[in-house]
PDB file of N, CA and C in Angstrom:
ATOM      1  N   MET A   1     182.493 113.691  77.417  1.00  0.00           N
ATOM      2  CA  MET A   1     181.579 114.056  78.516  1.00  0.00           C
ATOM      3  C   MET A   1     180.716 115.238  77.871  1.00  0.00           C
ATOM      4  N   GLU A   2     179.495 115.317  78.038  1.00  0.00           N
ATOM      5  CA  GLU A   2     178.644 116.425  77.458  1.00  0.00           C
ATOM      6  C   GLU A   2     178.832 117.679  78.588  1.00  0.00           C
ATOM      7  N   THR A   3     179.010 118.938  78.136  1.00  0.00           N
ATOM      8  CA  THR A   3     179.430 120.194  79.051  1.00  0.00           C
ATOM      9  C   THR A   3     177.711 120.652  79.217  1.00  0.00           C
ATOM     10  N   PRO A   4     177.663 120.785  80.614  1.00  0.00           N
ATOM     11  CA  PRO A   4     176.477 121.437  80.873  1.00  0.00           C
ATOM     12  C   PRO A   4     176.148 122.938  80.247  1.00  0.00           C
ATOM     13  N   LYS A   5     174.830 123.035  80.028  1.00  0.00           N
ATOM     14  CA  LYS A   5     174.677 124.324  79.313  1.00  0.00           C
ATOM     15  C   LYS A   5     174.434 125.660  80.796  1.00  0.00           C
ATOM     16  N   ASN A   6     174.799 126.764  80.563  1.00  0.00           N
ATOM     17  CA  ASN A   6     174.763 127.669  81.339  1.00  0.00           C
ATOM     18  C   ASN A   6     173.631 127.885  82.145  1.00  0.00           C
ATOM     19  N   GLN A   7     173.239 127.988  83.170  1.00  0.00           N
ATOM     20  CA  GLN A   7     171.869 128.029  83.944  1.00  0.00           C
ATOM     21  C   GLN A   7     172.012 129.153  84.937  1.00  0.00           C
ATOM     22  N   SER A   8     170.881 130.033  84.893  1.00  0.00           N
ATOM     23  CA  SER A   8     170.760 130.796  86.405  1.00  0.00           C
ATOM     24  C   SER A   8     169.569 130.698  86.907  1.00  0.00           C
ATOM     25  N   TRP A   9     169.276 131.073  88.044  1.00  0.00           N
ATOM     26  CA  TRP A   9     167.961 131.253  88.740  1.00  0.00           C
ATOM     27  C   TRP A   9     168.050 132.622  89.613  1.00  0.00           C
ATOM     28  N   HIS A  10     166.861 133.042  89.875  1.00  0.00           N
ATOM     29  CA  HIS A  10     166.628 134.195  90.412  1.00  0.00           C
ATOM     30  C   HIS A  10     165.419 134.213  91.263  1.00  0.00           C
ATOM     31  N   TRP A  11     165.393 134.538  92.428  1.00  0.00           N
ATOM     32  CA  TRP A  11     164.017 134.566  93.434  1.00  0.00           C
ATOM     33  C   TRP A  11     164.222 135.674  94.422  1.00  0.00           C
ATOM     34  N   GLN A  12     163.042 135.819  95.079  1.00  0.00           N
ATOM     35  CA  GLN A  12     162.988 136.917  95.948  1.00  0.00           C
ATOM     36  C   GLN A  12     161.840 136.667  97.128  1.00  0.00           C
ATOM     37  N   ALA A  13     162.285 137.047  98.077  1.00  0.00           N
ATOM     38  CA  ALA A  13     161.423 136.991  99.217  1.00  0.00           C
ATOM     39  C   ALA A  13     160.934 138.276  99.755  1.00  0.00           C
ATOM     40  N   ILE A  14     159.813 138.443  99.826  1.00  0.00           N
ATOM     41  CA  ILE A  14     159.310 139.713 100.257  1.00  0.00           C
ATOM     42  C   ILE A  14     158.103 139.601 101.491  1.00  0.00           C
ATOM     43  N   ASP A  15     158.445 140.120 102.516  1.00  0.00           N
ATOM     44  CA  ASP A  15     157.260 140.312 103.483  1.00  0.00           C
ATOM     45  C   ASP A  15     157.535 141.395 104.334  1.00  0.00           C
ATOM     46  N   PRO A  16     156.418 142.366 104.001  1.00  0.00           N
ATOM     47  CA  PRO A  16     156.670 143.464 104.699  1.00  0.00           C
ATOM     48  C   PRO A  16     156.497 144.091 106.116  1.00  0.00           C
ATOM     49  N   SER A  17     155.703 142.811 106.838  1.00  0.00           N
ATOM     50  CA  SER A  17     155.319 142.836 108.095  1.00  0.00           C
ATOM     51  C   SER A  17     156.486 142.290 108.878  1.00  0.00           C
ATOM     52  N   ARG A  18     157.384 141.597 108.335  1.00  0.00           N
ATOM     53  CA  ARG A  18     158.783 141.162 109.052  1.00  0.00           C
ATOM     54  C   ARG A  18     160.024 141.739 108.510  1.00  0.00           C
ATOM     55  N   ASN A  19     159.764 142.825 107.740  1.00  0.00           N
ATOM     56  CA  ASN A  19     160.607 143.738 107.170  1.00  0.00           C
ATOM     57  C   ASN A  19     161.777 142.905 106.186  1.00  0.00           C
ATOM     58  N   VAL A  20     161.327 141.941 105.540  1.00  0.00           N
ATOM     59  CA  VAL A  20     161.894 141.140 104.815  1.00  0.00           C
ATOM     60  C   VAL A  20     161.819 141.533 103.495  1.00  0.00           C
ATOM     61  N   ALA A  21     162.877 141.682 102.762  1.00  0.00           N
ATOM     62  CA  ALA A  21     163.083 142.122 101.353  1.00  0.00           C
ATOM     63  C   ALA A  21     164.423 141.800 100.990  1.00  0.00           C
ATOM     64  N   ARG A  22     164.527 140.255 100.610  1.00  0.00           N
ATOM     65  CA  ARG A  22     165.570 139.692 100.042  1.00  0.00           C
ATOM     66  C   ARG A  22     165.987 139.393  98.439  1.00  0.00           C
ATOM     67  N   ASP A  23     166.910 139.314  97.985  1.00  0.00           N
ATOM     68  CA  ASP A  23     167.230 138.768  96.726  1.00  0.00           C
ATOM     69  C   ASP A  23     168.235 137.878  96.409  1.00  0.00           C
ATOM     70  N   TYR A  24     167.804 136.739  95.595  1.00  0.00           N
ATOM     71  CA  TYR A  24     168.900 135.604  95.474  1.00  0.00           C
ATOM     72  C   TYR A  24     169.104 135.369  94.104  1.00  0.00           C
ATOM     73  N   HIS A  25     170.409 135.167  93.961  1.00  0.00           N
ATOM     74  CA  HIS A  25     170.833 134.841  92.362  1.00  0.00           C
ATOM     75  C   HIS A  25     171.630 133.468  92.467  1.00  0.00           C
ATOM     76  N   LEU A  26     171.573 132.537  91.488  1.00  0.00           N
ATOM     77  CA  LEU A  26     172.250 131.549  91.417  1.00  0.00           C
ATOM     78  C   LEU A  26     172.809 131.254  90.206  1.00  0.00           C
ATOM     79  N   TRP A  27     173.983 131.032  89.724  1.00  0.00           N
ATOM     80  CA  TRP A  27     174.595 130.684  88.398  1.00  0.00           C
ATOM     81  C   TRP A  27     175.192 129.623  88.210  1.00  0.00           C
ATOM     82  N   VAL A  28     174.831 128.843  87.465  1.00  0.00           N
ATOM     83  CA  VAL A  28     175.942 127.494  86.901  1.00  0.00           C
ATOM     84  C   VAL A  28     176.362 127.652  85.546  1.00  0.00           C
ATOM     85  N   GLU A  29     177.716 127.861  85.647  1.00  0.00           N
ATOM     86  CA  GLU A  29     178.325 128.000  84.350  1.00  0.00           C
ATOM     87  C   GLU A  29     179.603 127.017  84.022  1.00  0.00           C
ATOM     88  N   THR A  30     179.871 126.869  82.827  1.00  0.00           N
ATOM     89  CA  THR A  30     181.270 126.156  82.581  1.00  0.00           C
ATOM     90  C   THR A  30     182.340 127.174  82.187  1.00  0.00           C
ATOM     91  N   ASP A  31     183.555 126.857  83.092  1.00  0.00           N
ATOM     92  CA  ASP A  31     184.356 128.082  82.443  1.00  0.00           C
ATOM     93  C   ASP A  31     185.291 127.595  81.322  1.00  0.00           C
ATOM     94  N   LEU A  32     186.376 128.362  81.133  1.00  0.00           N
ATOM     95  CA  LEU A  32     187.450 128.394  79.910  1.00  0.00           C
ATOM     96  C   LEU A  32     187.797 126.835  79.943  1.00  0.00           C
ATOM     97  N   PHE A  33     188.210 126.277  80.900  1.00  0.00           N
ATOM     98  CA  PHE A  33     188.851 124.634  80.968  1.00  0.00           C
ATOM     99  C   PHE A  33     187.972 123.626  81.334  1.00  0.00           C
ATOM    100  N   GLY A  34     186.676 124.013  81.134  1.00  0.00           N
ATOM    101  CA  GLY A  34     185.519 122.915  81.231  1.00  0.00           C
ATOM    102  C   GLY A  34     185.174 122.440  82.670  1.00  0.00           C
ATOM    103  N   TRP A  35     185.603 123.143  83.509  1.00  0.00           N
ATOM    104  CA  TRP A  35     185.165 122.803  84.755  1.00  0.00           C
ATOM    105  C   TRP A  35     183.628 123.383  85.204  1.00  0.00           C
ATOM    106  N   THR A  36     183.049 122.928  85.757  1.00  0.00           N
ATOM    107  CA  THR A  36     181.530 123.600  86.116  1.00  0.00           C
ATOM    108  C   THR A  36     181.739 124.486  87.470  1.00  0.00           C
ATOM    109  N   THR A  37     181.232 125.693  87.422  1.00  0.00           N
ATOM    110  CA  THR A  37     181.248 126.589  88.506  1.00  0.00           C
ATOM    111  C   THR A  37     180.005 127.068  88.815  1.00  0.00           C
ATOM    112  N   VAL A  38     180.032 127.483  90.083  1.00  0.00           N
ATOM    113  CA  VAL A  38     178.559 128.027  90.873  1.00  0.00           C
ATOM    114  C   VAL A  38     178.800 129.167  91.405  1.00  0.00           C
ATOM    115  N   GLU A  39     177.998 130.209  90.959  1.00  0.00           N
ATOM    116  CA  GLU A  39     178.299 131.400  91.545  1.00  0.00           C
ATOM    117  C   GLU A  39     176.940 131.787  92.442  1.00  0.00           C
ATOM    118  N   ARG A  40     177.197 132.515  93.720  1.00  0.00           N
ATOM    119  CA  ARG A  40     175.650 132.637  94.224  1.00  0.00           C
ATOM    120  C   ARG A  40     176.005 134.218  94.763  1.00  0.00           C
ATOM    121  N   ARG A  41     174.732 134.952  94.884  1.00  0.00           N
ATOM    122  CA  ARG A  41     174.600 136.132  95.470  1.00  0.00           C
ATOM    123  C   ARG A  41     173.212 136.489  96.179  1.00  0.00           C
ATOM    124  N   TRP A  42     173.406 137.379  97.210  1.00  0.00           N
ATOM    125  CA  TRP A  42     172.057 137.578  97.970  1.00  0.00           C
ATOM    126  C   TRP A  42     172.480 138.693  98.886  1.00  0.00           C
ATOM    127  N   GLY A  43     171.075 139.306  99.228  1.00  0.00           N
ATOM    128  CA  GLY A  43     171.280 140.687  99.782  1.00  0.00           C
ATOM    129  C   GLY A  43     169.790 141.004  99.788  1.00  0.00           C
ATOM    130  N   ARG A  44     169.862 142.194 100.516  1.00  0.00           N
ATOM    131  CA  ARG A  44     168.544 143.055 100.291  1.00  0.00           C
ATOM    132  C   ARG A  44     168.336 143.781  99.096  1.00  0.00           C
ATOM    133  N   ILE A  45     167.031 143.504  98.690  1.00  0.00           N
ATOM    134  CA  ILE A  45     166.546 144.207  97.215  1.00  0.00           C
ATOM    135  C   ILE A  45     167.251 145.530  96.931  1.00  0.00           C
ATOM    136  N   GLY A  46     167.519 145.860  96.029  1.00  0.00           N
ATOM    137  CA  GLY A  46     168.182 147.255  95.925  1.00  0.00           C
ATOM    138  C   GLY A  46     169.708 147.331  96.199  1.00  0.00           C
ATOM    139  N   THR A  47     170.283 146.507  96.765  1.00  0.00           N
ATOM    140  CA  THR A  47     171.752 146.856  97.200  1.00  0.00           C
ATOM    141  C   THR A  47     172.546 145.944  96.303  1.00  0.00           C
ATOM    142  N   LYS A  48     173.924 146.148  96.352  1.00  0.00           N
ATOM    143  CA  LYS A  48     174.820 145.462  95.529  1.00  0.00           C
ATOM    144  C   LYS A  48     174.772 143.806  95.960  1.00  0.00           C
ATOM    145  N   GLY A  49     174.592 143.413  97.133  1.00  0.00           N
ATOM    146  CA  GLY A  49     174.574 142.034  97.300  1.00  0.00           C
ATOM    147  C   GLY A  49     175.601 141.069  97.774  1.00  0.00           C
ATOM    148  N   ARG A  50     175.867 140.271  98.539  1.00  0.00           N
ATOM    149  CA  ARG A  50     176.984 139.507  98.936  1.00  0.00           C
ATOM    150  C   ARG A  50     177.221 138.182  98.082  1.00  0.00           C
ATOM    151  N   GLY A  51     178.504 137.902  98.220  1.00  0.00           N
ATOM    152  CA  GLY A  51     178.677 136.482  97.281  1.00  0.00           C
ATOM    153  C   GLY A  51     179.588 135.810  97.858  1.00  0.00           C
TER     154      GLY A  51
END
């Protein structure tokens, strides 16, 4: 079976009239054992974020 390549996505939602300043990250990677893992983080722009 072919191993997937590591991929990442990043997008932001900004709307000052609604006080929205969001930051989103998504990573798809293969770990040392060959398992596919998904990591996500989100939060306000400029903060550490949540996951």
